[in-house]
Every structure is written in C-alpha cells, then in structure tokens.
Amino acid sequence: MSGDALFPRDPVTLGPGAVHLPGWLSIEQQRALVDACRAWARGPVPLRHTALPGGGVMSVRTVCLGWHWLPYRYSRTADDVNGAEVAAVPHWLVELGRSALVSAYGEQYEASGYTPDAALVNFYDGAARMGMHQDKEERSDAPVVSLSIGDSCIFRFGNAENRGRPHTDVELQSGDLFVFGGPSRFIYHGVPKVYPGTGDPATGMSGGRLNITLRETGLAG
C-alpha cells in the first residue's frame, strides 16, 4: 500500500519541514486504512480514552501500534488499559510513511531509512478536541507523518516556544497528509474543532475523524 500522490489541491508549506499535501490518499486507500483501524481498535489493546496525570481524560480515543503511548512516555505494554503488548506496526504502514516523506520532501528521502516504529490512531467524534502540544516523547527527531480520514477539522500549527501565538489554522480534509520535521519537528500543534458530517461515506466511516500519526521513537527493545 503506497501513497498515490494525487493532489486535487496544491501542496502547502507552512514552515521549514512542515508540508500539507491535500488529497494524498485515494478513497480506496482511506477505506483500507479505516478497515485496518477497526481491527486494531479491537485489540490486543482496545481503543480507549487516555487518562492524564492531572486527573483529566482526553476527549479523543486512541489505539497504538508498536509502542503504547502514555502521558508522557512510551511502553511496550498498555499498563493503563489491560497490560497487553500492543500490536506491531505492519510493514505496509511503514512503507506508506516512507512514501509520504518522498511526496513531502522529494526523492532524496527514498534512501533516508525512515522506519516508523510507533503509530498513534486517534478517533475524534464531533465534540473531541486536541489541545496544543509537542510530540517530544520520542528520542528521534525524524519527521512525524499524519494522515486524516473522515470529517474535516481545523489543525492549529503553532510555534516551537509556547502554546500561544503565532499560529496558523489549516483545514484538514479526508485523505490529507501533513508531515512535520526538521525545524518544525517540535512545533506546538492541536485540533480545536472538528466539522461533523463533512466526511465522505465512501471511506467506510459514517462519522467522526481518524488521524493516524507515524513516528520513529528512537527507543530500543
């Protein structure tokens, strides 16, 4: 499974290393990913709302592959759910991530050796949000690959210093790819709004938004 690199809208560069590629996934690819996400959500570690150290609970629901994300670290086992070891990142998903980097950055990345060993699958219903945060639990500064399926959302792309301004709001639609690496790798970002009912039922989703992010953790074991 690889990206088709079909761009019904022009690619947009938001900053050094931050590239938005609208319509990168075909409907067929989106449907295949939706089917895969449904299987992953059934286990061995099921989809869950993540509990935060301060007592709050995230509004998105998450299932992880390769490494289980806990605030704010990774583990091979889902100690906050059922103690089971998470499913591996399938090879075809690794290849999709590599294809995404080539589409975003150019053919020189074909030989980069990019091998994402963790995938976070987040499901947003119409009320779910994601606060401004950095992806910094990883020991690798390799780019993050983000795929959107289902309802459109506002993706807020901020700065590397704090959660406030300056930031740029971008509408991500079903099939869009967003890659952030290089100087933009540790930018604050979040999702302040989802637009219910904007997804294409042909993806196999009746509602909500799926976001799949691929990362190199730099962790051993």
Protein backbone atom coordinates (compact mmCIF):
# COMPACT_ATOMS: atom_id res chain seq x y z
CA MET A 1 0.00 0.00 0.00
CA SER A 2 1.58 3.29 -1.05
CA GLY A 3 0.53 6.89 -1.47
CA ASP A 4 -0.84 7.82 -4.88
CA ALA A 5 0.49 11.39 -4.66
CA LEU A 6 -2.70 12.76 -6.20
CA PHE A 7 -3.12 16.46 -5.44
CA PRO A 8 -6.54 17.90 -6.28
CA ARG A 9 -5.32 20.98 -4.36
CA ASP A 10 -1.81 22.41 -4.30
CA PRO A 11 0.69 21.35 -1.60
CA VAL A 12 1.19 23.98 1.08
CA THR A 13 4.40 24.59 3.05
CA LEU A 14 3.61 26.12 6.45
CA GLY A 15 7.19 26.32 7.66
CA PRO A 16 10.59 24.68 7.21
CA GLY A 17 9.87 20.95 7.10
CA ALA A 18 6.08 21.35 7.52
CA VAL A 19 4.17 20.32 4.40
CA HIS A 20 0.42 19.83 3.87
CA LEU A 21 -0.45 17.62 0.89
CA PRO A 22 -4.23 17.73 0.32
CA GLY A 23 -5.91 14.64 -1.12
CA TRP A 24 -2.82 12.44 -0.88
CA LEU A 25 -4.75 9.27 -0.08
CA SER A 26 -7.21 7.84 -2.58
CA ILE A 27 -10.68 6.79 -1.44
CA GLU A 28 -9.58 3.15 -1.77
CA GLN A 29 -6.57 3.73 0.46
CA GLN A 30 -8.70 5.55 3.01
CA ARG A 31 -11.20 2.71 3.13
CA ALA A 32 -8.39 0.17 3.60
CA LEU A 33 -6.99 2.24 6.47
CA VAL A 34 -10.43 2.52 8.07
CA ASP A 35 -10.79 -1.28 7.93
CA ALA A 36 -7.33 -1.69 9.47
CA CYS A 37 -8.11 0.83 12.23
CA ARG A 38 -11.29 -1.05 13.14
CA ALA A 39 -9.27 -4.25 13.53
CA TRP A 40 -6.62 -2.50 15.66
CA ALA A 41 -9.33 -0.94 17.85
CA ARG A 42 -10.50 -4.44 18.86
CA GLY A 43 -7.16 -5.30 20.40
CA PRO A 44 -4.99 -6.76 21.76
CA VAL A 45 -5.22 -3.31 23.35
CA PRO A 46 -8.61 -1.75 22.59
CA LEU A 47 -9.41 1.85 21.73
CA ARG A 48 -9.51 3.97 24.90
CA HIS A 49 -9.78 7.48 26.32
CA THR A 50 -6.34 8.29 27.74
CA ALA A 51 -6.26 9.37 31.40
CA LEU A 52 -3.95 12.31 32.09
CA PRO A 53 -1.71 12.62 35.17
CA GLY A 54 -3.70 15.57 36.50
CA GLY A 55 -6.92 13.58 36.56
CA GLY A 56 -8.40 14.70 33.24
CA VAL A 57 -9.36 12.40 30.40
CA MET A 58 -8.64 13.07 26.73
CA SER A 59 -11.74 13.53 24.56
CA VAL A 60 -10.19 11.64 21.65
CA ARG A 61 -9.97 7.86 21.78
CA THR A 62 -6.66 6.25 20.92
CA VAL A 63 -5.16 2.91 19.96
CA CYS A 64 -1.41 2.45 19.50
CA LEU A 65 0.82 0.20 17.43
CA GLY A 66 4.45 -0.68 18.06
CA TRP A 67 4.70 1.32 21.28
CA HIS A 68 1.88 2.28 23.64
CA TRP A 69 1.74 6.00 24.37
CA LEU A 70 1.14 7.02 27.97
CA PRO A 71 1.34 10.61 29.10
CA TYR A 72 4.16 11.30 28.63
CA ARG A 73 6.17 8.23 27.71
CA TYR A 74 6.10 5.05 25.66
CA SER A 75 5.76 1.45 26.84
CA ARG A 76 5.59 -1.91 25.06
CA THR A 77 2.63 -2.84 27.23
CA ALA A 78 -0.62 -0.99 27.85
CA ASP A 79 -0.26 -0.67 31.61
CA ASP A 80 -3.14 1.81 31.81
CA VAL A 81 -5.58 -0.47 29.94
CA ASN A 82 -5.10 -4.24 30.20
CA GLY A 83 -1.34 -4.82 30.43
CA ALA A 84 -1.23 -6.43 26.99
CA GLU A 85 1.56 -5.84 24.49
CA VAL A 86 0.43 -3.64 21.61
CA ALA A 87 0.26 -4.92 18.03
CA ALA A 88 3.25 -4.33 15.78
CA VAL A 89 3.39 -1.63 13.12
CA PRO A 90 2.73 -3.54 9.87
CA HIS A 91 5.31 -3.31 7.10
CA TRP A 92 2.81 -1.82 4.65
CA LEU A 93 2.21 1.07 7.04
CA VAL A 94 5.97 1.68 7.33
CA GLU A 95 6.12 1.79 3.52
CA LEU A 96 3.24 4.25 3.44
CA GLY A 97 5.17 6.50 5.82
CA ARG A 98 8.24 6.34 3.61
CA SER A 99 6.15 7.19 0.55
CA ALA A 100 4.69 10.15 2.45
CA LEU A 101 8.16 11.58 3.13
CA VAL A 102 9.13 11.27 -0.52
CA SER A 103 5.95 13.09 -1.55
CA ALA A 104 6.54 15.83 1.01
CA TYR A 105 10.29 16.31 0.76
CA GLY A 106 11.45 14.81 -2.53
CA GLU A 107 13.08 11.67 -3.85
CA GLN A 108 16.23 12.13 -1.75
CA TYR A 109 14.21 10.75 1.16
CA GLU A 110 13.81 7.36 -0.55
CA ALA A 111 17.17 6.34 0.92
CA SER A 112 16.64 8.04 4.29
CA GLY A 113 15.96 4.77 6.11
CA TYR A 114 12.83 6.21 7.74
CA THR A 115 11.31 3.38 9.77
CA PRO A 116 8.41 4.45 11.99
CA ASP A 117 8.12 2.04 14.90
CA ALA A 118 5.07 3.63 16.54
CA ALA A 119 1.66 4.62 15.23
CA LEU A 120 -0.98 6.51 17.19
CA VAL A 121 -4.52 6.20 15.85
CA ASN A 122 -6.82 8.89 17.25
CA PHE A 123 -10.59 8.88 16.75
CA TYR A 124 -12.41 12.20 17.11
CA ASP A 125 -16.17 12.38 17.45
CA GLY A 126 -17.84 15.72 16.80
CA ALA A 127 -17.08 17.02 20.29
CA ALA A 128 -13.46 15.83 20.58
CA ARG A 129 -10.55 18.23 20.65
CA MET A 130 -6.78 18.07 20.99
CA GLY A 131 -5.03 20.77 22.98
CA MET A 132 -1.81 22.41 21.84
CA HIS A 133 1.14 20.11 22.49
CA GLN A 134 4.53 19.00 21.23
CA ASP A 135 5.34 15.45 20.12
CA LYS A 136 8.52 15.16 22.18
CA GLU A 137 8.37 11.79 23.94
CA GLU A 138 10.45 10.35 21.10
CA ARG A 139 14.25 10.19 21.23
CA SER A 140 14.37 10.65 17.47
CA ASP A 141 13.90 13.91 15.58
CA ALA A 142 12.70 12.08 12.45
CA PRO A 143 9.59 13.64 10.86
CA VAL A 144 6.06 12.87 12.02
CA VAL A 145 3.68 11.66 9.29
CA SER A 146 0.00 12.50 9.89
CA LEU A 147 -2.92 11.10 7.85
CA SER A 148 -6.53 12.33 8.10
CA ILE A 149 -9.65 10.34 7.22
CA GLY A 150 -13.32 11.21 7.71
CA ASP A 151 -14.65 14.54 8.96
CA SER A 152 -12.68 17.70 8.29
CA CYS A 153 -11.02 19.55 11.15
CA ILE A 154 -9.10 22.68 11.99
CA PHE A 155 -5.44 21.83 12.55
CA ARG A 156 -3.65 24.55 14.51
CA PHE A 157 0.05 24.77 13.66
CA GLY A 158 1.87 26.91 16.17
CA ASN A 159 5.41 27.79 17.16
CA ALA A 160 8.20 25.95 18.96
CA GLU A 161 8.25 28.21 22.04
CA ASN A 162 4.79 28.08 23.59
CA ARG A 163 1.12 27.18 23.07
CA GLY A 164 0.11 30.69 22.08
CA ARG A 165 0.53 32.82 19.02
CA PRO A 166 1.81 32.95 16.40
CA HIS A 167 -0.12 30.04 14.93
CA THR A 168 -1.76 29.13 11.64
CA ASP A 169 -5.11 27.35 11.29
CA VAL A 170 -5.35 24.85 8.43
CA GLU A 171 -8.40 22.85 7.39
CA LEU A 172 -7.50 19.16 7.04
CA GLN A 173 -9.89 17.10 4.96
CA SER A 174 -10.27 13.39 4.41
CA GLY A 175 -7.27 11.97 2.56
CA ASP A 176 -4.91 14.79 3.52
CA LEU A 177 -1.30 14.22 4.51
CA PHE A 178 0.62 16.51 6.85
CA VAL A 179 4.33 15.99 7.50
CA PHE A 180 6.34 17.97 10.03
CA GLY A 181 10.06 17.54 10.51
CA GLY A 182 13.31 19.46 10.51
CA PRO A 183 12.95 22.85 12.23
CA SER A 184 9.19 22.22 12.56
CA ARG A 185 9.51 18.83 14.24
CA PHE A 186 8.77 20.12 17.76
CA ILE A 187 6.19 22.75 16.87
CA TYR A 188 3.16 23.04 19.15
CA HIS A 189 0.03 21.85 17.36
CA GLY A 190 -3.54 20.83 18.11
CA VAL A 191 -7.07 20.31 16.82
CA PRO A 192 -9.53 22.91 18.23
CA LYS A 193 -12.50 21.93 16.05
CA VAL A 194 -13.98 19.04 14.06
CA TYR A 195 -16.73 19.58 11.46
CA PRO A 196 -19.28 16.75 11.86
CA GLY A 197 -20.88 15.38 8.72
CA THR A 198 -18.16 16.55 6.32
CA GLY A 199 -16.58 13.15 5.64
CA ASP A 200 -17.22 11.01 2.56
CA PRO A 201 -19.18 7.83 3.43
CA ALA A 202 -17.21 6.09 0.68
CA THR A 203 -14.31 5.86 3.14
CA GLY A 204 -16.40 3.45 5.22
CA MET A 205 -16.88 5.95 8.06
CA SER A 206 -20.38 7.10 9.00
CA GLY A 207 -18.99 9.94 11.11
CA GLY A 208 -16.02 11.19 13.06
CA ARG A 209 -12.38 11.72 12.15
CA LEU A 210 -9.46 9.31 12.17
CA ASN A 211 -5.94 10.64 12.49
CA ILE A 212 -3.01 8.26 12.10
CA THR A 213 0.43 9.55 13.05
CA LEU A 214 3.62 7.63 12.37
CA ARG A 215 6.76 8.28 14.43
CA GLU A 216 10.28 6.98 14.95
CA THR A 217 10.67 6.68 18.71
CA GLY A 218 14.41 6.10 18.84
CA LEU A 219 13.73 3.62 21.65
CA ALA A 220 15.27 0.16 21.93
CA GLY A 221 13.60 -3.07 22.95
